[in-house]
Amino acid sequence: STDLHAALQEIFRVLRPCGTLAFCTDFFEENPHCHDWPAGLEIPMELLSETGWSVAFENAGFQVVRSFRCLDHRDDNATADAATIDFRTRIGALGIMAIKPESQPEG
């Protein structure tokens, strides 16, 4: 959405050259457990794929260093429901590391 793009552009603007942005979200297309959040929370949310998130960062000027999943193999899975265990151990949160290039291309 325009709001997401504007937010990423503002982060890019205020970050110094060669600055790093570490980003993490549970809300992405490959996580089926989050798809009902916008309706349940009654707020508009833009559901992007893992690739879509990387493209959004690149469109704001960032160089995506890597995207990865943050898995959680806690010992308390005996008390967690099946969806929580699935999210923690198979899907994970989406992490993205991106940098603001040292020099900006001439536009």
Protein backbone atom coordinates (compact mmCIF):
# COMPACT_ATOMS: atom_id res chain seq x y z
CA SER A 1 0.00 0.00 0.00
CA THR A 2 0.98 3.62 -0.27
CA ASP A 3 1.31 3.84 3.53
CA LEU A 4 3.81 0.95 3.66
CA HIS A 5 5.85 2.45 0.84
CA ALA A 6 5.82 5.87 2.51
CA ALA A 7 6.91 4.34 5.83
CA LEU A 8 9.80 2.44 4.24
CA GLN A 9 10.86 5.55 2.31
CA GLU A 10 10.90 7.57 5.55
CA ILE A 11 13.00 4.93 7.32
CA PHE A 12 15.34 4.96 4.32
CA ARG A 13 15.52 8.77 4.40
CA VAL A 14 16.50 9.03 8.06
CA LEU A 15 18.95 6.10 8.04
CA ARG A 16 22.54 7.11 7.45
CA PRO A 17 24.39 5.69 4.41
CA CYS A 18 25.54 2.10 5.08
CA GLY A 19 23.01 1.95 7.94
CA THR A 20 21.36 -1.40 8.56
CA LEU A 21 17.68 -2.09 9.11
CA ALA A 22 16.66 -5.32 10.87
CA PHE A 23 12.98 -6.08 10.29
CA CYS A 24 10.82 -8.92 11.60
CA THR A 25 7.15 -9.72 11.04
CA ASP A 26 4.73 -12.59 11.61
CA PHE A 27 2.34 -11.10 9.03
CA PHE A 28 3.30 -12.51 5.64
CA GLU A 29 1.60 -14.60 2.99
CA GLU A 30 3.43 -17.86 3.72
CA ASN A 31 2.10 -17.81 7.30
CA PRO A 32 -1.48 -19.09 6.99
CA HIS A 33 -2.07 -18.50 10.70
CA CYS A 34 -2.11 -14.71 10.21
CA HIS A 35 -4.45 -14.34 7.23
CA ASP A 36 -7.49 -13.53 9.39
CA TRP A 37 -5.75 -10.82 11.42
CA PRO A 38 -7.03 -7.80 9.43
CA ALA A 39 -10.67 -8.84 9.89
CA GLY A 40 -10.17 -9.87 13.51
CA LEU A 41 -8.34 -6.67 14.39
CA GLU A 42 -10.55 -4.53 12.15
CA ILE A 43 -7.60 -2.66 10.71
CA PRO A 44 -6.33 -2.60 7.13
CA MET A 45 -3.16 -4.62 6.70
CA GLU A 46 -1.20 -5.37 3.55
CA LEU A 47 -0.42 -9.07 3.24
CA LEU A 48 2.83 -9.52 1.30
CA SER A 49 4.75 -12.66 0.43
CA GLU A 50 8.33 -13.11 1.58
CA THR A 51 9.43 -11.99 -1.88
CA GLY A 52 6.95 -9.11 -1.78
CA TRP A 53 8.47 -7.80 1.45
CA SER A 54 11.95 -7.87 -0.11
CA VAL A 55 10.66 -6.04 -3.18
CA ALA A 56 8.98 -3.42 -0.97
CA PHE A 57 12.32 -2.73 0.74
CA GLU A 58 14.12 -2.57 -2.61
CA ASN A 59 11.47 -0.20 -4.02
CA ALA A 60 12.20 2.15 -1.11
CA GLY A 61 15.92 2.15 -2.01
CA PHE A 62 17.27 -0.51 0.34
CA GLN A 63 19.61 -3.30 -0.64
CA VAL A 64 18.22 -6.50 0.87
CA VAL A 65 21.12 -8.44 2.33
CA ARG A 66 19.04 -11.47 3.22
CA SER A 67 15.64 -12.68 4.29
CA PHE A 68 15.26 -15.56 6.68
CA ARG A 69 12.85 -17.30 9.01
CA CYS A 70 13.19 -17.05 12.78
CA LEU A 71 12.20 -20.46 14.13
CA ASP A 72 11.51 -21.12 17.79
CA HIS A 73 12.03 -24.58 19.24
CA ARG A 74 11.04 -23.90 22.84
CA ASP A 75 10.64 -26.74 25.26
CA ASP A 76 7.10 -25.62 26.20
CA ASN A 77 5.52 -27.04 23.03
CA ALA A 78 3.69 -29.60 25.18
CA THR A 79 1.35 -26.82 26.34
CA ALA A 80 1.09 -25.01 22.97
CA ASP A 81 -1.72 -25.59 20.47
CA ALA A 82 -1.03 -27.14 17.06
CA ALA A 83 -1.12 -23.81 15.20
CA THR A 84 1.41 -22.27 17.59
CA ILE A 85 3.74 -25.26 17.27
CA ASP A 86 3.40 -25.16 13.46
CA PHE A 87 4.22 -21.45 13.39
CA ARG A 88 7.14 -21.71 15.80
CA THR A 89 8.82 -24.78 14.32
CA ARG A 90 7.95 -24.81 10.60
CA ILE A 91 6.96 -21.30 9.46
CA GLY A 92 8.65 -18.86 11.81
CA ALA A 93 8.69 -15.09 11.76
CA LEU A 94 10.06 -13.45 8.62
CA GLY A 95 13.28 -11.53 9.16
CA ILE A 96 14.85 -9.15 6.66
CA MET A 97 18.24 -7.47 6.90
CA ALA A 98 18.62 -4.49 4.58
CA ILE A 99 21.12 -1.69 4.20
CA LYS A 100 20.99 1.81 2.85
CA PRO A 101 23.65 1.92 0.13
CA GLU A 102 26.58 4.25 0.69
CA SER A 103 25.83 6.22 -2.45
CA GLN A 104 22.51 6.82 -4.13
CA PRO A 105 22.08 6.32 -7.87
CA GLU A 106 21.57 9.48 -9.87
CA GLY A 107 17.87 9.88 -10.55
